[in-house]
Amino acid sequence: EEDVEMADAAAASEGEDSEDELEVVDADQVVTKDMVEAEKKKFQLEMRSREDMDFPDEVDTPLDIAARVRFQKYRGLESFRNSPWDPYEELPLEYSRIWEFENYDQTQRAFKKQFLADAQVTGGTGTSGMYCRIILGDVPESLAAHPTNHPLILSTLYPSETKVSVMHSSIQRHDEYQEILASKAEVVVQCGFRRFPVRPVYAEAGKRYAPDKKLKYARFLHQGTTAVASWYGPIVFGPAPTIVLAGPHYAAWGSVQPAAPTRLVIKRALLTGYPFKTHKRKATVRFMFFDPDDIRWFKPVELVTKNGLRGHIEEPLGTHGYMKCRFNDYIRGDDTICLTLYKRQYPPWYPPSWGYPADYKVETLDDDAEPPRAG
């Protein structure tokens, strides 16, 4: 189900029979098993990226597991835009350890007002233009070994900017970056002067910002598209620019949006079937399901076709997944029937984003433990 993990598993399974070391034409160059697996993973991602562009959100019904089990976390919606979705419904455990603002804009204004009041002590401009001696205590070895020819940035943070929340940023791919950018893959994000690794999920960006608007999950960030990236990370107040780095490469750029754990990123799964027989508004559909119990399970969900018709499932036929359907107009034999399912998508929990070890687990914390803080 996890997009990037599926590509990793596919690449690993195909590389199990590979030799540890393979000699190439150049005797001095040796291709290791890790290099082969990396190339296979890259090829798998490229294939899935092209497939996502040609057939967006289409998912094959599995043969080895019941569809009602595979898609048990999904639901049907009458309208993606207008159907209600409770943002506090079935939240993951990680949401008990992050920060949520009652009013983001008012909190930011209050912090700025307090900062200006504190700056009045030094003449109204803070320490701007002054020579200061700064003494740092408990300095880690990595900071002590900082190169003298590289700048060292010190900045005041608002109290909430040491907390962790679900951050969002509107980003656009750089035209010169040609590699695949998949959701949940690790990248480095620089928001203002702060830089940290994240594993964001991407969603299609709307025409205007709306915190209560549902966003459709995007498995890949394709060329020429603008998206909203969401991740668990330190809170950053805007306005602040965002730069996305994939390794050493400049991959995307954008701007920070308000932290909003209740913002909905919805993943869509499109199950497709094809008419076997048609008669006026009725059709016998196959290849969408392979079990009559799955057909009965998804019977309340509305059907749509790629020619714009709407319909519903009447009953299963036989034991091989055929079903009888009725539509609101005459259906053609070359049409494609689709059943659309939705579920909420959350970013991966990634503690290195705020300076914690990668094996930091929420399950190990007590109920009264403090939320994680950005180091």
Protein backbone atom coordinates (compact mmCIF):
# COMPACT_ATOMS: atom_id res chain seq x y z
CA GLU A 1 0.00 0.00 0.00
CA GLU A 2 2.85 2.38 0.71
CA ASP A 3 3.95 3.67 -2.68
CA VAL A 4 7.68 4.04 -2.12
CA GLU A 5 7.93 0.87 -0.03
CA MET A 6 6.27 -1.14 -2.80
CA ALA A 7 8.94 0.03 -5.22
CA ASP A 8 11.64 -0.95 -2.71
CA ALA A 9 10.13 -4.39 -2.20
CA ALA A 10 9.79 -5.00 -5.94
CA ALA A 11 13.38 -4.01 -6.56
CA ALA A 12 14.62 -6.13 -3.66
CA SER A 13 12.69 -9.24 -4.74
CA GLU A 14 14.04 -9.02 -8.27
CA GLY A 15 17.60 -8.55 -7.03
CA GLU A 16 17.67 -11.51 -4.65
CA ASP A 17 19.09 -13.85 -7.26
CA SER A 18 21.75 -11.39 -8.40
CA GLU A 19 25.39 -12.15 -7.70
CA ASP A 20 27.20 -10.11 -5.08
CA GLU A 21 29.63 -8.76 -7.64
CA LEU A 22 29.26 -8.63 -11.43
CA GLU A 23 32.20 -7.82 -13.66
CA VAL A 24 31.59 -5.56 -16.63
CA VAL A 25 33.57 -4.96 -19.79
CA ASP A 26 36.00 -2.70 -17.96
CA ALA A 27 37.94 -5.01 -15.66
CA ASP A 28 38.72 -2.17 -13.26
CA GLN A 29 35.02 -1.42 -12.63
CA VAL A 30 32.91 -3.75 -10.48
CA VAL A 31 29.14 -3.52 -10.18
CA THR A 32 27.97 -4.59 -6.73
CA LYS A 33 24.61 -6.00 -5.74
CA ASP A 34 23.64 -2.72 -4.08
CA MET A 35 24.30 -0.84 -7.32
CA VAL A 36 22.14 -3.29 -9.26
CA GLU A 37 19.30 -2.97 -6.75
CA ALA A 38 19.55 0.83 -6.87
CA GLU A 39 19.24 0.80 -10.66
CA LYS A 40 16.28 -1.57 -10.50
CA LYS A 41 14.59 0.62 -7.93
CA LYS A 42 15.13 3.66 -10.14
CA PHE A 43 13.71 1.80 -13.14
CA GLN A 44 10.66 0.71 -11.12
CA LEU A 45 10.00 4.29 -10.02
CA GLU A 46 10.29 5.57 -13.59
CA MET A 47 7.83 2.94 -14.82
CA ARG A 48 5.36 3.70 -12.03
CA SER A 49 5.72 7.44 -12.64
CA ARG A 50 4.86 7.02 -16.33
CA GLU A 51 1.98 4.72 -15.43
CA ASP A 52 0.68 7.31 -12.96
CA MET A 53 0.70 9.95 -15.70
CA ASP A 54 -1.13 7.69 -18.18
CA PHE A 55 -3.58 6.10 -15.72
CA PRO A 56 -3.79 8.39 -12.67
CA ASP A 57 -4.97 6.74 -9.44
CA GLU A 58 -5.94 3.46 -11.13
CA VAL A 59 -5.32 0.43 -8.90
CA ASP A 60 -5.53 -3.24 -9.81
CA THR A 61 -7.76 -5.40 -7.65
CA PRO A 62 -5.52 -7.99 -5.95
CA LEU A 63 -6.09 -11.68 -6.66
CA ASP A 64 -4.49 -13.06 -3.49
CA ILE A 65 -6.49 -10.98 -0.98
CA ALA A 66 -10.13 -9.95 -0.78
CA ALA A 67 -10.83 -6.42 -2.02
CA ARG A 68 -12.90 -5.68 1.08
CA VAL A 69 -9.75 -6.38 3.15
CA ARG A 70 -7.29 -4.61 0.86
CA PHE A 71 -9.43 -1.45 0.75
CA GLN A 72 -10.94 -1.63 4.24
CA LYS A 73 -9.58 1.82 5.16
CA TYR A 74 -11.19 3.42 2.10
CA ARG A 75 -14.66 4.87 1.73
CA GLY A 76 -16.90 6.11 -1.05
CA LEU A 77 -17.84 9.79 -1.42
CA GLU A 78 -20.75 11.25 -3.31
CA SER A 79 -18.66 14.33 -4.10
CA PHE A 80 -14.94 14.76 -3.42
CA ARG A 81 -15.35 18.52 -3.07
CA ASN A 82 -18.62 18.81 -1.15
CA SER A 83 -18.97 15.61 0.89
CA PRO A 84 -18.13 16.12 4.59
CA TRP A 85 -15.05 14.57 6.19
CA ASP A 86 -14.37 14.93 9.92
CA PRO A 87 -10.69 15.99 10.31
CA TYR A 88 -10.55 14.51 13.84
CA GLU A 89 -11.81 11.07 12.81
CA GLU A 90 -9.52 8.06 13.46
CA LEU A 91 -6.35 10.09 13.89
CA PRO A 92 -3.03 8.21 14.14
CA LEU A 93 -1.14 7.97 17.40
CA GLU A 94 1.42 10.54 16.19
CA TYR A 95 -1.24 13.25 16.35
CA SER A 96 -1.25 12.96 20.16
CA ARG A 97 2.35 14.25 20.20
CA ILE A 98 2.21 17.23 17.85
CA TRP A 99 1.16 20.86 18.18
CA GLU A 100 -2.07 22.39 16.88
CA PHE A 101 -2.90 26.10 16.85
CA GLU A 102 -6.29 27.31 17.89
CA ASN A 103 -5.70 30.38 15.72
CA TYR A 104 -2.48 30.38 13.69
CA ASP A 105 -2.59 34.00 12.49
CA GLN A 106 -3.49 35.42 15.90
CA THR A 107 -0.68 33.44 17.56
CA GLN A 108 1.86 34.73 15.07
CA ARG A 109 0.74 38.33 15.59
CA ALA A 110 0.96 37.92 19.37
CA PHE A 111 4.54 36.60 19.14
CA LYS A 112 5.58 39.47 16.87
CA LYS A 113 3.99 41.99 19.23
CA GLN A 114 5.83 40.46 22.19
CA PHE A 115 9.13 40.53 20.29
CA LEU A 116 8.71 44.23 19.46
CA ALA A 117 7.91 44.95 23.09
CA ASP A 118 11.09 43.16 24.19
CA ALA A 119 13.09 45.09 21.58
CA GLN A 120 12.11 48.40 23.18
CA VAL A 121 14.66 47.64 25.92
CA THR A 122 17.48 48.20 23.41
CA GLY A 123 16.04 51.23 21.70
CA GLY A 124 13.28 49.69 19.61
CA THR A 125 15.43 47.82 17.09
CA GLY A 126 16.66 44.93 19.21
CA THR A 127 20.37 44.24 18.74
CA SER A 128 20.39 45.28 15.07
CA GLY A 129 23.61 47.15 14.22
CA MET A 130 25.26 46.31 17.52
CA TYR A 131 28.40 44.31 18.17
CA CYS A 132 27.54 41.54 20.59
CA ARG A 133 29.46 38.78 22.34
CA ILE A 134 27.48 35.54 22.39
CA ILE A 135 28.46 32.77 24.78
CA LEU A 136 27.18 29.27 23.96
CA GLY A 137 26.98 26.51 26.54
CA ASP A 138 26.81 22.73 26.10
CA VAL A 139 28.10 23.01 22.54
CA PRO A 140 28.12 19.66 20.66
CA GLU A 141 31.28 18.47 18.96
CA SER A 142 29.76 18.97 15.52
CA LEU A 143 29.34 22.68 16.22
CA ALA A 144 32.80 23.01 17.72
CA ALA A 145 34.25 21.58 14.51
CA HIS A 146 32.31 24.04 12.32
CA PRO A 147 34.57 25.41 9.54
CA THR A 148 35.64 28.98 10.18
CA ASN A 149 35.14 29.91 6.52
CA HIS A 150 31.44 28.92 6.62
CA PRO A 151 28.84 31.23 8.16
CA LEU A 152 27.22 30.24 11.43
CA ILE A 153 23.63 31.48 11.71
CA LEU A 154 22.10 32.34 15.07
CA SER A 155 18.49 33.43 15.25
CA THR A 156 15.73 33.97 17.75
CA LEU A 157 12.84 31.51 17.50
CA TYR A 158 9.29 32.14 18.60
CA PRO A 159 8.23 29.79 21.42
CA SER A 160 6.06 27.67 19.12
CA GLU A 161 8.85 27.25 16.55
CA THR A 162 10.50 24.68 18.80
CA LYS A 163 7.39 22.48 18.59
CA VAL A 164 6.55 19.80 16.00
CA SER A 165 3.44 19.89 13.84
CA VAL A 166 2.24 19.04 10.34
CA MET A 167 3.81 21.64 8.06
CA HIS A 168 2.68 22.49 4.55
CA SER A 169 4.40 24.23 1.70
CA SER A 170 3.30 25.15 -1.80
CA ILE A 171 6.09 24.00 -4.12
CA GLN A 172 6.86 23.81 -7.83
CA ARG A 173 9.37 21.52 -9.52
CA HIS A 174 12.52 23.00 -10.97
CA ASP A 175 12.59 22.61 -14.74
CA GLU A 176 16.18 21.36 -14.84
CA TYR A 177 15.65 18.55 -12.31
CA GLN A 178 14.74 15.39 -14.25
CA GLU A 179 14.76 12.68 -11.58
CA ILE A 180 11.67 11.09 -10.03
CA LEU A 181 10.17 12.77 -6.95
CA ALA A 182 7.93 10.28 -5.18
CA SER A 183 5.78 10.90 -2.14
CA LYS A 184 7.30 9.68 1.16
CA ALA A 185 10.82 9.71 -0.27
CA GLU A 186 13.40 11.54 1.85
CA VAL A 187 14.42 15.03 0.73
CA VAL A 188 16.04 17.99 2.47
CA VAL A 189 13.88 21.08 2.96
CA GLN A 190 15.18 24.55 3.73
CA CYS A 191 12.51 26.85 5.15
CA GLY A 192 14.02 30.29 5.61
CA PHE A 193 17.36 29.71 7.39
CA ARG A 194 16.34 26.30 8.87
CA ARG A 195 17.28 23.10 7.05
CA PHE A 196 16.15 19.58 7.97
CA PRO A 197 15.40 16.21 6.29
CA VAL A 198 11.75 15.33 5.74
CA ARG A 199 9.64 12.67 4.04
CA PRO A 200 6.75 14.68 2.57
CA VAL A 201 3.57 13.60 0.86
CA TYR A 202 2.47 15.63 -2.14
CA ALA A 203 -1.03 16.76 -3.03
CA GLU A 204 -2.50 18.63 -5.96
CA ALA A 205 -2.62 22.34 -5.19
CA GLY A 206 -5.86 24.28 -5.57
CA LYS A 207 -6.23 27.74 -7.06
CA ARG A 208 -6.29 29.40 -3.64
CA TYR A 209 -5.33 28.48 -0.10
CA ALA A 210 -8.13 27.10 2.08
CA PRO A 211 -7.28 25.25 5.31
CA ASP A 212 -10.54 23.27 5.29
CA LYS A 213 -10.33 22.26 1.63
CA LYS A 214 -9.60 18.63 0.73
CA LEU A 215 -6.45 18.06 -1.32
CA LYS A 216 -6.00 15.05 -3.60
CA TYR A 217 -2.91 13.00 -2.85
CA ALA A 218 -0.30 12.78 -5.62
CA ARG A 219 1.94 9.71 -5.75
CA PHE A 220 4.58 11.65 -7.71
CA LEU A 221 5.52 15.28 -8.19
CA HIS A 222 5.55 15.50 -11.98
CA GLN A 223 7.22 18.10 -14.15
CA GLY A 224 5.31 21.33 -14.67
CA THR A 225 3.00 20.83 -11.70
CA THR A 226 2.44 22.84 -8.54
CA ALA A 227 1.74 20.83 -5.41
CA VAL A 228 1.37 21.09 -1.65
CA ALA A 229 4.01 19.18 0.32
CA SER A 230 3.08 18.05 3.85
CA TRP A 231 5.40 16.63 6.49
CA TYR A 232 5.97 16.27 10.24
CA GLY A 233 8.55 18.86 11.21
CA PRO A 234 9.43 21.96 13.22
CA ILE A 235 6.93 24.80 13.02
CA VAL A 236 8.05 27.67 10.77
CA PHE A 237 6.09 30.91 10.67
CA GLY A 238 5.73 32.60 7.31
CA PRO A 239 6.39 34.32 5.13
CA ALA A 240 9.39 32.10 4.42
CA PRO A 241 10.72 30.59 1.18
CA THR A 242 11.05 26.84 0.75
CA ILE A 243 13.78 25.04 -1.16
CA VAL A 244 13.63 21.27 -1.74
CA LEU A 245 16.95 19.47 -2.22
CA ALA A 246 17.09 15.89 -3.51
CA GLY A 247 20.64 14.93 -2.62
CA PRO A 248 22.86 17.74 -3.87
CA HIS A 249 20.36 18.77 -6.55
CA TYR A 250 17.93 21.69 -6.46
CA ALA A 251 14.60 19.91 -7.03
CA ALA A 252 11.78 22.34 -6.19
CA TRP A 253 11.00 25.71 -4.64
CA GLY A 254 8.01 27.40 -3.04
CA SER A 255 6.76 29.07 0.13
CA VAL A 256 5.66 27.99 3.59
CA GLN A 257 1.96 27.71 4.42
CA PRO A 258 0.44 27.71 7.93
CA ALA A 259 0.88 24.61 10.08
CA ALA A 260 -2.43 22.72 10.01
CA PRO A 261 -2.72 19.13 11.29
CA THR A 262 -6.40 19.13 10.35
CA ARG A 263 -5.77 19.80 6.66
CA LEU A 264 -7.05 16.83 4.68
CA VAL A 265 -4.89 15.05 2.11
CA ILE A 266 -7.11 12.42 0.48
CA LYS A 267 -5.77 9.47 -1.47
CA ARG A 268 -7.94 8.18 -4.32
CA ALA A 269 -8.05 4.60 -5.56
CA LEU A 270 -9.81 3.92 -8.87
CA LEU A 271 -11.01 0.35 -9.49
CA THR A 272 -11.89 -0.31 -13.13
CA GLY A 273 -14.07 -2.89 -14.87
CA TYR A 274 -15.19 -3.51 -18.43
CA PRO A 275 -18.58 -4.38 -19.96
CA PHE A 276 -19.02 -8.03 -20.91
CA LYS A 277 -22.56 -7.62 -22.19
CA THR A 278 -24.63 -4.46 -22.62
CA HIS A 279 -28.32 -3.86 -23.15
CA LYS A 280 -29.60 -0.30 -23.15
CA ARG A 281 -28.90 0.96 -19.61
CA LYS A 282 -27.84 -2.40 -18.20
CA ALA A 283 -24.45 -4.05 -18.39
CA THR A 284 -22.66 -7.11 -17.10
CA VAL A 285 -19.29 -5.93 -15.81
CA ARG A 286 -16.18 -8.04 -15.20
CA PHE A 287 -12.58 -7.68 -13.98
CA MET A 288 -13.42 -5.11 -11.27
CA PHE A 289 -13.83 -7.79 -8.60
CA PHE A 290 -13.16 -11.52 -8.42
CA ASP A 291 -15.32 -12.47 -5.45
CA PRO A 292 -19.11 -12.06 -5.11
CA ASP A 293 -18.70 -11.12 -1.44
CA ASP A 294 -16.56 -8.13 -2.52
CA ILE A 295 -19.32 -7.06 -4.90
CA ARG A 296 -21.90 -7.10 -2.11
CA TRP A 297 -19.49 -5.17 0.15
CA PHE A 298 -19.00 -2.32 -2.33
CA LYS A 299 -22.58 -2.29 -3.61
CA PRO A 300 -23.50 1.05 -1.90
CA VAL A 301 -20.69 2.91 -3.71
CA GLU A 302 -21.71 4.78 -6.85
CA LEU A 303 -20.23 3.80 -10.22
CA VAL A 304 -19.06 6.23 -12.88
CA THR A 305 -17.82 5.65 -16.42
CA LYS A 306 -15.16 7.42 -18.45
CA ASN A 307 -17.92 8.60 -20.81
CA GLY A 308 -19.67 10.44 -17.98
CA LEU A 309 -22.43 7.98 -16.99
CA ARG A 310 -23.42 7.20 -13.41
CA GLY A 311 -24.79 3.96 -12.10
CA HIS A 312 -24.89 1.40 -9.32
CA ILE A 313 -24.31 -2.30 -8.69
CA GLU A 314 -27.45 -4.43 -8.69
CA GLU A 315 -26.20 -7.93 -7.85
CA PRO A 316 -23.31 -10.35 -8.43
CA LEU A 317 -23.52 -12.99 -11.15
CA GLY A 318 -21.88 -16.36 -10.55
CA THR A 319 -18.75 -16.88 -8.47
CA HIS A 320 -16.03 -15.28 -10.64
CA GLY A 321 -16.65 -11.59 -10.03
CA TYR A 322 -19.18 -10.76 -12.74
CA MET A 323 -21.85 -8.28 -11.68
CA LYS A 324 -25.00 -6.74 -13.03
CA CYS A 325 -25.06 -2.92 -13.14
CA ARG A 326 -27.54 -0.25 -14.18
CA PHE A 327 -26.70 3.25 -15.46
CA ASN A 328 -28.53 6.53 -16.06
CA ASP A 329 -28.20 6.30 -19.86
CA TYR A 330 -27.36 3.88 -22.63
CA ILE A 331 -23.91 2.37 -22.10
CA ARG A 332 -21.52 1.44 -24.87
CA GLY A 333 -19.46 -1.71 -25.00
CA ASP A 334 -16.15 0.19 -25.24
CA ASP A 335 -16.76 2.22 -22.08
CA THR A 336 -14.81 1.76 -18.81
CA ILE A 337 -16.62 1.49 -15.47
CA CYS A 338 -14.89 3.00 -12.43
CA LEU A 339 -15.50 2.68 -8.71
CA THR A 340 -13.80 5.47 -6.74
CA LEU A 341 -12.60 5.00 -3.16
CA TYR A 342 -10.92 7.49 -0.83
CA LYS A 343 -8.88 7.45 2.37
CA ARG A 344 -6.96 10.06 4.31
CA GLN A 345 -3.20 10.06 3.79
CA TYR A 346 -0.78 11.10 6.55
CA PRO A 347 2.93 11.90 6.19
CA PRO A 348 5.41 9.32 7.49
CA TRP A 349 6.58 9.84 11.08
CA TYR A 350 10.21 10.89 10.65
CA PRO A 351 11.97 11.98 13.89
CA PRO A 352 15.27 13.08 12.18
CA SER A 353 13.30 16.10 10.92
CA TRP A 354 13.47 17.65 14.40
CA GLY A 355 16.79 16.17 15.52
CA TYR A 356 15.59 12.95 17.14
CA PRO A 357 17.00 9.48 16.29
CA ALA A 358 15.31 7.56 13.50
CA ASP A 359 14.18 4.78 15.88
CA TYR A 360 12.23 7.22 18.09
CA LYS A 361 8.76 5.68 18.43
CA VAL A 362 5.58 7.30 19.68
CA GLU A 363 4.41 4.00 21.20
CA THR A 364 7.25 4.09 23.75
CA LEU A 365 6.07 7.37 25.32
CA ASP A 366 3.86 7.65 28.38
CA ASP A 367 0.52 9.39 28.13
CA ASP A 368 1.80 12.35 30.17
CA ALA A 369 5.08 12.72 28.23
CA GLU A 370 5.84 16.07 26.63
CA PRO A 371 5.49 16.42 22.86
CA PRO A 372 8.74 16.24 20.86
CA ARG A 373 10.68 19.48 20.49
CA ALA A 374 12.76 20.59 17.58
CA GLY A 375 16.42 20.63 18.48
